[in-house]
């Protein structure tokens, strides 16, 4: 038997909950609890990634694979919780409540295979979380182009660049880091979202990334996330960056007012995904029109000359929501439907490139 305080076991189960699958195999719907030498390892595993953490415990050693319902059950208990393994079940007791959960053969739990890291990278957890969050909104999950189903991690000895795309919009975030060498790997979308969740509460902790031939491993405190790399090659995204016209016009708008204007347009015109930006000295007019309804909204702006471009409204809105700062910089070739528009916030190391559309 092992006794653990609810406030100790509950966060550990919450940290690995993202690895549980609702519709996968029994193992993918289960949690590994393995107590030994005063430490309990708590883990979950699915087809995309393995996530685990550990907590201190006092009691006998045991290993069980129990229903993922345990993560929800523990949130409804309080005080010390006693875990007693039986032959094919786990008894959970707390304050007069007794529960018996079915267990699976621990040997069926698929432990991740260890690989030697080719590259090791260290950076603040908050910086990594922010970089992944910038690209999260554009990466896909089930596209036939495998490289779109994740975020590219491009590592140099001094910098990590995170890149994501949906085929129309390119999101880029750069952060300073220390790495043993250069590398490129695509982290699957589900693993990206799980990493954001676990890093969000890491505070000032350091995060370490290990890149091997087939996997990417994240360490932050006691937490470990191991994901299989997407088996694909990300296209040369730097060609998109360099394609911005040298004579592109620059428009600067208040970010909050610009985002609010886009939101108003989307309420009135739902049938058209496009928004036309018409700039003139002192203001930008946003226009959307459908079969029966249309809308225009003016926003104060810094704009040197008349210009216009048509973009995907949802992606422009995403950039306005994700990027930081009071103002947005939008650069584009006026009237050009083949060259992307750059959208950047206060932090120039974070930006979006949005493909134009025909008016």
Protein backbone atom coordinates (compact mmCIF):
# COMPACT_ATOMS: atom_id res chain seq x y z
CA UNK A 1 0.00 0.00 0.00
CA UNK A 2 1.07 3.56 -0.73
CA UNK A 3 -0.52 6.66 0.84
CA UNK A 4 -0.30 9.94 -1.07
CA UNK A 5 -1.83 13.33 -0.30
CA UNK A 6 -4.47 14.38 -2.82
CA UNK A 7 -2.66 17.67 -3.53
CA UNK A 8 0.42 15.65 -4.56
CA UNK A 9 -1.12 12.95 -6.76
CA UNK A 10 -3.75 15.15 -8.46
CA UNK A 11 -1.30 17.50 -10.26
CA UNK A 12 0.78 14.51 -11.38
CA UNK A 13 -2.24 12.83 -12.93
CA UNK A 14 -3.33 16.12 -14.53
CA UNK A 15 0.13 16.52 -16.07
CA UNK A 16 -0.06 13.17 -17.92
CA UNK A 17 -3.77 13.27 -18.71
CA UNK A 18 -3.16 14.61 -22.22
CA UNK A 19 -1.58 11.30 -23.14
CA UNK A 20 -4.81 9.42 -22.55
CA UNK A 21 -6.95 8.47 -25.53
CA UNK A 22 -10.75 8.24 -25.38
CA UNK A 23 -11.07 5.90 -28.33
CA UNK A 24 -7.72 4.12 -28.51
CA UNK A 25 -6.62 0.74 -27.23
CA UNK A 26 -7.09 -0.15 -23.54
CA UNK A 27 -3.42 0.72 -22.92
CA UNK A 28 -3.90 4.16 -24.52
CA UNK A 29 -6.82 4.74 -22.11
CA UNK A 30 -4.81 3.72 -19.05
CA UNK A 31 -2.31 5.16 -16.57
CA UNK A 32 0.90 3.54 -15.36
CA UNK A 33 1.64 3.83 -11.62
CA UNK A 34 5.03 2.43 -10.65
CA UNK A 35 6.30 2.92 -7.09
CA UNK A 36 9.87 2.03 -6.14
CA UNK A 37 12.55 3.39 -3.79
CA UNK A 38 10.39 6.25 -2.52
CA UNK A 39 9.34 7.51 -5.96
CA UNK A 40 6.19 6.87 -7.97
CA UNK A 41 6.34 7.21 -11.74
CA UNK A 42 3.05 8.31 -13.32
CA UNK A 43 2.79 7.88 -17.10
CA UNK A 44 0.47 7.65 -20.09
CA UNK A 45 1.14 6.60 -23.65
CA UNK A 46 -0.53 6.96 -27.04
CA UNK A 47 0.39 6.54 -30.68
CA UNK A 48 1.93 10.04 -30.87
CA UNK A 49 3.68 10.67 -27.57
CA UNK A 50 4.58 9.33 -24.12
CA UNK A 51 4.32 11.63 -21.09
CA UNK A 52 5.41 10.95 -17.53
CA UNK A 53 6.23 12.62 -14.24
CA UNK A 54 7.21 11.41 -10.77
CA UNK A 55 6.31 12.18 -7.17
CA UNK A 56 7.77 11.14 -3.79
CA UNK A 57 5.90 8.36 -1.94
CA UNK A 58 6.25 6.22 1.15
CA UNK A 59 5.24 2.57 1.03
CA UNK A 60 5.78 -0.70 -0.75
CA UNK A 61 6.88 -1.07 -4.34
CA UNK A 62 4.36 -1.99 -7.00
CA UNK A 63 3.51 -1.43 -10.66
CA UNK A 64 -0.04 -1.28 -12.02
CA UNK A 65 -1.72 -0.07 -15.20
CA UNK A 66 -5.09 1.32 -14.19
CA UNK A 67 -8.04 2.97 -15.94
CA UNK A 68 -7.53 6.59 -16.97
CA UNK A 69 -10.67 7.38 -14.98
CA UNK A 70 -8.33 7.62 -11.98
CA UNK A 71 -7.28 11.11 -13.08
CA UNK A 72 -10.88 12.33 -12.79
CA UNK A 73 -11.63 10.35 -9.63
CA UNK A 74 -8.72 11.86 -7.68
CA UNK A 75 -9.98 15.41 -8.34
CA UNK A 76 -13.13 14.49 -6.38
CA UNK A 77 -11.28 13.17 -3.33
CA UNK A 78 -9.49 14.98 -0.49
CA UNK A 79 -6.79 14.37 2.09
CA UNK A 80 -4.59 11.27 2.15
CA UNK A 81 -5.41 8.63 -0.47
CA UNK A 82 -4.38 5.00 -0.01
CA UNK A 83 -3.55 2.92 -3.10
CA UNK A 84 -3.52 -0.85 -2.58
CA UNK A 85 -2.74 -3.14 -5.54
CA UNK A 86 -4.54 -6.47 -5.83
CA UNK A 87 -4.01 -9.21 -8.39
CA UNK A 88 -6.04 -7.54 -11.15
CA UNK A 89 -7.31 -4.36 -9.50
CA UNK A 90 -6.30 -1.26 -7.55
CA UNK A 91 -8.19 -0.25 -4.40
CA UNK A 92 -8.36 3.49 -3.75
CA UNK A 93 -9.45 4.70 -0.29
CA UNK A 94 -9.92 8.26 1.00
CA UNK A 95 -12.09 9.61 3.85
CA UNK A 96 -14.56 6.72 3.90
CA UNK A 97 -14.69 6.34 0.11
CA UNK A 98 -13.50 3.00 -1.30
CA UNK A 99 -13.13 2.39 -5.02
CA UNK A 100 -11.89 -0.67 -6.89
CA UNK A 101 -10.49 -0.09 -10.38
CA UNK A 102 -9.67 -2.80 -12.90
CA UNK A 103 -6.02 -3.13 -13.96
CA UNK A 104 -4.25 -4.32 -17.10
CA UNK A 105 -1.12 -6.44 -17.26
CA UNK A 106 1.76 -3.94 -16.70
CA UNK A 107 3.83 -5.77 -19.30
CA UNK A 108 1.37 -4.54 -21.94
CA UNK A 109 2.31 -0.91 -21.27
CA UNK A 110 4.53 0.24 -24.14
CA UNK A 111 7.60 1.87 -22.66
CA UNK A 112 9.33 4.24 -25.11
CA UNK A 113 12.54 3.02 -26.65
CA UNK A 114 15.57 5.04 -25.65
CA UNK A 115 17.64 6.75 -28.34
CA UNK A 116 20.85 8.68 -27.99
CA UNK A 117 20.22 12.39 -28.41
CA UNK A 118 22.04 13.92 -31.39
CA UNK A 119 21.30 17.47 -30.22
CA UNK A 120 20.55 18.87 -26.77
CA UNK A 121 18.94 22.29 -26.38
CA UNK A 122 18.32 24.37 -23.25
CA UNK A 123 16.07 27.44 -22.94
CA UNK A 124 13.54 28.97 -20.50
CA UNK A 125 10.30 26.98 -20.34
CA UNK A 126 8.25 30.17 -20.73
CA UNK A 127 10.10 31.10 -23.94
CA UNK A 128 9.55 27.64 -25.45
CA UNK A 129 5.88 27.72 -24.46
CA UNK A 130 5.46 31.12 -26.11
CA UNK A 131 7.17 30.03 -29.34
CA UNK A 132 5.01 26.92 -29.63
CA UNK A 133 1.88 28.97 -28.85
CA UNK A 134 2.61 31.37 -31.73
CA UNK A 135 2.42 28.57 -34.32
CA UNK A 136 -0.22 26.38 -32.65
CA UNK A 137 -3.15 28.01 -34.43
CA UNK A 138 -1.93 27.29 -37.96
CA UNK A 139 -0.59 23.72 -37.74
CA UNK A 140 -2.85 20.88 -38.88
CA UNK A 141 -3.47 17.30 -37.69
CA UNK A 142 -4.55 15.12 -40.60
CA UNK A 143 -3.37 16.77 -43.80
CA UNK A 144 -2.03 14.57 -46.59
CA UNK A 145 1.08 16.76 -46.57
CA UNK A 146 2.67 15.32 -43.44
CA UNK A 147 4.94 18.31 -42.79
CA UNK A 148 1.86 20.45 -42.07
CA UNK A 149 0.83 18.14 -39.20
CA UNK A 150 3.28 19.61 -36.72
CA UNK A 151 5.71 22.40 -35.90
CA UNK A 152 9.21 22.58 -37.33
CA UNK A 153 11.92 22.95 -34.69
CA UNK A 154 15.00 24.40 -36.39
CA UNK A 155 17.97 24.54 -34.02
CA UNK A 156 21.26 26.38 -34.24
CA UNK A 157 23.84 26.64 -31.47
CA UNK A 158 22.32 29.96 -30.28
CA UNK A 159 18.70 29.94 -31.42
CA UNK A 160 15.53 27.90 -31.77
CA UNK A 161 13.15 28.80 -34.59
CA UNK A 162 9.65 27.30 -34.45
CA UNK A 163 7.72 27.33 -37.73
CA UNK A 164 4.19 26.20 -38.55
CA UNK A 165 1.92 26.41 -41.57
CA UNK A 166 -1.47 25.36 -42.90
CA UNK A 167 -0.43 25.83 -46.50
CA UNK A 168 -1.75 29.41 -46.64
CA UNK A 169 -0.24 31.05 -43.57
CA UNK A 170 3.27 30.73 -42.15
CA UNK A 171 3.86 31.45 -38.45
CA UNK A 172 7.40 31.98 -37.14
CA UNK A 173 8.80 32.42 -33.64
CA UNK A 174 12.49 32.72 -32.75
CA UNK A 175 13.97 32.41 -29.24
CA UNK A 176 17.50 32.44 -27.87
CA UNK A 177 18.76 29.03 -26.74
CA UNK A 178 21.91 27.02 -26.09
CA UNK A 179 22.36 23.93 -28.23
CA UNK A 180 25.10 21.37 -28.71
CA UNK A 181 24.66 21.45 -32.50
CA UNK A 182 22.18 22.25 -35.25
CA UNK A 183 19.14 20.11 -36.07
CA UNK A 184 15.71 20.10 -37.68
CA UNK A 185 12.71 18.07 -36.53
CA UNK A 186 8.93 18.30 -36.90
CA UNK A 187 7.07 17.90 -33.60
CA UNK A 188 3.54 16.43 -34.10
CA UNK A 189 0.62 18.77 -33.48
CA UNK A 190 -0.76 16.75 -30.57
CA UNK A 191 2.66 16.82 -28.91
CA UNK A 192 2.92 20.58 -29.52
CA UNK A 193 -0.38 21.15 -27.74
CA UNK A 194 0.57 18.86 -24.88
CA UNK A 195 3.93 20.62 -24.49
CA UNK A 196 2.20 24.01 -24.31
CA UNK A 197 -0.11 22.71 -21.60
CA UNK A 198 2.67 21.34 -19.39
CA UNK A 199 5.04 24.27 -19.96
CA UNK A 200 2.40 26.87 -19.16
CA UNK A 201 2.73 26.29 -15.44
CA UNK A 202 6.50 25.84 -15.36
CA UNK A 203 7.29 29.44 -14.43
CA UNK A 204 11.01 30.24 -14.45
CA UNK A 205 12.10 26.62 -14.89
CA UNK A 206 14.48 25.58 -17.64
CA UNK A 207 13.32 23.33 -20.45
CA UNK A 208 15.59 20.84 -22.22
CA UNK A 209 14.95 19.40 -25.67
CA UNK A 210 16.71 16.25 -26.87
CA UNK A 211 16.53 15.54 -30.59
CA UNK A 212 17.35 12.04 -31.78
CA UNK A 213 16.97 10.31 -35.13
CA UNK A 214 13.28 9.51 -34.69
CA UNK A 215 12.14 11.32 -31.53
CA UNK A 216 11.99 14.67 -29.74
CA UNK A 217 12.15 14.57 -25.95
CA UNK A 218 11.15 17.45 -23.64
CA UNK A 219 12.30 17.64 -20.01
CA UNK A 220 10.96 20.26 -17.60
CA UNK A 221 11.35 19.59 -13.90
CA UNK A 222 10.02 16.10 -13.16
CA UNK A 223 8.01 16.02 -16.38
CA UNK A 224 9.17 14.18 -19.48
CA UNK A 225 7.40 14.25 -22.86
CA UNK A 226 8.67 11.96 -25.60
CA UNK A 227 7.20 12.28 -29.11
CA UNK A 228 7.88 10.51 -32.37
CA UNK A 229 9.06 12.98 -35.03
CA UNK A 230 6.88 13.52 -38.09
CA UNK A 231 8.56 11.57 -40.87
CA UNK A 232 8.69 14.36 -43.43
CA UNK A 233 10.80 17.31 -44.53
CA UNK A 234 9.54 20.84 -44.01
CA UNK A 235 9.86 23.04 -47.13
CA UNK A 236 12.31 25.96 -47.19
CA UNK A 237 10.24 28.51 -45.27
CA UNK A 238 12.97 31.13 -45.69
CA UNK A 239 11.93 31.47 -49.34
CA UNK A 240 8.59 32.82 -48.14
CA UNK A 241 10.34 35.35 -45.91
CA UNK A 242 12.60 36.52 -48.72
CA UNK A 243 9.68 36.81 -51.15
CA UNK A 244 8.35 39.93 -49.40
CA UNK A 245 8.64 42.69 -51.97
CA UNK A 246 11.40 45.25 -51.45
CA UNK A 247 8.92 48.02 -52.23
CA UNK A 248 6.22 46.68 -49.89
CA UNK A 249 4.08 49.30 -48.20
CA UNK A 250 3.90 49.45 -44.40
CA UNK A 251 0.72 49.95 -42.42
CA UNK A 252 0.69 50.22 -38.63
CA UNK A 253 -2.59 49.72 -36.75
CA UNK A 254 -3.64 49.52 -33.06
CA UNK A 255 -3.78 45.78 -32.42
CA UNK A 256 -6.85 45.70 -30.15
CA UNK A 257 -8.93 48.00 -32.37
CA UNK A 258 -7.92 46.07 -35.48
CA UNK A 259 -8.88 42.72 -33.90
CA UNK A 260 -12.23 44.14 -32.73
CA UNK A 261 -12.99 45.40 -36.25
CA UNK A 262 -12.27 41.96 -37.72
CA UNK A 263 -14.58 40.40 -35.13
CA UNK A 264 -17.42 42.76 -36.07
CA UNK A 265 -17.01 41.91 -39.75
CA UNK A 266 -17.16 38.19 -39.04
CA UNK A 267 -20.48 38.59 -37.22
CA UNK A 268 -22.14 40.43 -40.11
CA UNK A 269 -20.57 38.53 -43.02
CA UNK A 270 -20.21 34.81 -42.31
CA UNK A 271 -20.37 33.53 -45.89
CA UNK A 272 -17.10 35.11 -47.10
CA UNK A 273 -13.73 34.26 -45.57
CA UNK A 274 -11.98 37.25 -47.17
CA UNK A 275 -11.22 40.69 -45.81
CA UNK A 276 -9.99 43.55 -47.96
CA UNK A 277 -7.62 46.08 -46.39
CA UNK A 278 -7.73 49.50 -48.04
CA UNK A 279 -5.15 51.88 -46.65
CA UNK A 280 -4.90 55.62 -47.02
CA UNK A 281 -3.13 58.29 -44.97
CA UNK A 282 -4.43 58.13 -41.40
CA UNK A 283 -6.69 55.07 -41.63
CA UNK A 284 -7.34 51.54 -42.88
CA UNK A 285 -10.76 50.40 -44.04
CA UNK A 286 -11.61 46.71 -43.61
CA UNK A 287 -14.26 45.35 -45.99
CA UNK A 288 -16.12 42.03 -46.21
CA UNK A 289 -19.12 41.24 -48.38
CA UNK A 290 -21.41 38.26 -48.84
CA UNK A 291 -24.28 37.43 -51.15
CA UNK A 292 -26.75 39.54 -49.19
CA UNK A 293 -24.78 41.45 -46.55
CA UNK A 294 -21.63 43.52 -46.42
CA UNK A 295 -19.69 45.49 -43.85
CA UNK A 296 -16.93 48.08 -43.60
CA UNK A 297 -14.98 49.15 -40.54
CA UNK A 298 -12.43 51.93 -40.25
CA UNK A 299 -9.39 51.80 -37.97
CA UNK A 300 -6.91 54.61 -37.37
CA UNK A 301 -3.56 53.74 -38.90
CA UNK A 302 -0.16 54.99 -39.89
CA UNK A 303 -0.15 54.67 -43.66
CA UNK A 304 1.94 56.74 -46.07
CA UNK A 305 -0.03 56.15 -49.27
CA UNK A 306 -3.08 54.49 -50.78
CA UNK A 307 -2.80 50.68 -50.87
CA UNK A 308 -4.96 47.56 -50.76
CA UNK A 309 -4.77 43.80 -50.35
CA UNK A 310 -7.26 40.96 -49.78
CA UNK A 311 -6.42 38.34 -47.13
CA UNK A 312 -8.01 35.42 -45.30
CA UNK A 313 -9.94 36.99 -42.46
CA UNK A 314 -9.52 34.15 -39.98
CA UNK A 315 -5.74 34.09 -40.38
CA UNK A 316 -5.42 37.86 -40.04
CA UNK A 317 -7.56 37.65 -36.90
CA UNK A 318 -5.37 34.83 -35.56
CA UNK A 319 -2.24 36.95 -36.03
CA UNK A 320 -3.90 39.90 -34.29
CA UNK A 321 -4.88 37.71 -31.34
CA UNK A 322 -1.58 35.84 -30.97
CA UNK A 323 1.00 38.57 -31.54
CA UNK A 324 1.88 40.88 -28.65
CA UNK A 325 2.13 44.65 -28.28
CA UNK A 326 -0.17 47.61 -28.75
CA UNK A 327 0.37 47.84 -32.51
CA UNK A 328 0.60 45.57 -35.52
CA UNK A 329 2.85 46.13 -38.51
CA UNK A 330 1.42 44.91 -41.83
CA UNK A 331 3.68 44.96 -44.90
CA UNK A 332 2.55 43.95 -48.38
CA UNK A 333 2.78 44.67 -52.09
CA UNK A 334 -0.32 46.72 -52.89
CA UNK A 335 -2.70 45.04 -55.34
CA UNK A 336 -0.46 41.96 -55.62
CA UNK A 337 -2.19 38.58 -55.31
CA UNK A 338 0.94 36.39 -55.42
CA UNK A 339 3.25 37.77 -52.70
CA UNK A 340 2.49 37.21 -49.00
CA UNK A 341 1.77 39.90 -46.45
CA UNK A 342 3.87 40.16 -43.30
CA UNK A 343 2.10 40.74 -39.97
CA UNK A 344 4.28 41.39 -36.91
CA UNK A 345 3.72 42.67 -33.39
CA UNK A 346 5.94 44.37 -30.85
CA UNK A 347 8.31 41.39 -30.78
CA UNK A 348 9.81 41.25 -34.25
CA UNK A 349 11.06 37.70 -33.68
CA UNK A 350 7.40 36.60 -33.95
CA UNK A 351 5.49 37.07 -37.19
CA UNK A 352 2.97 35.69 -39.66
CA UNK A 353 3.14 35.55 -43.45
CA UNK A 354 -0.38 35.39 -44.91
CA UNK A 355 -1.07 34.47 -48.53
CA UNK A 356 -3.19 37.06 -50.38
CA UNK A 357 -6.49 36.25 -52.11
CA UNK A 358 -8.18 37.61 -55.16
CA UNK A 359 -10.63 40.43 -54.29
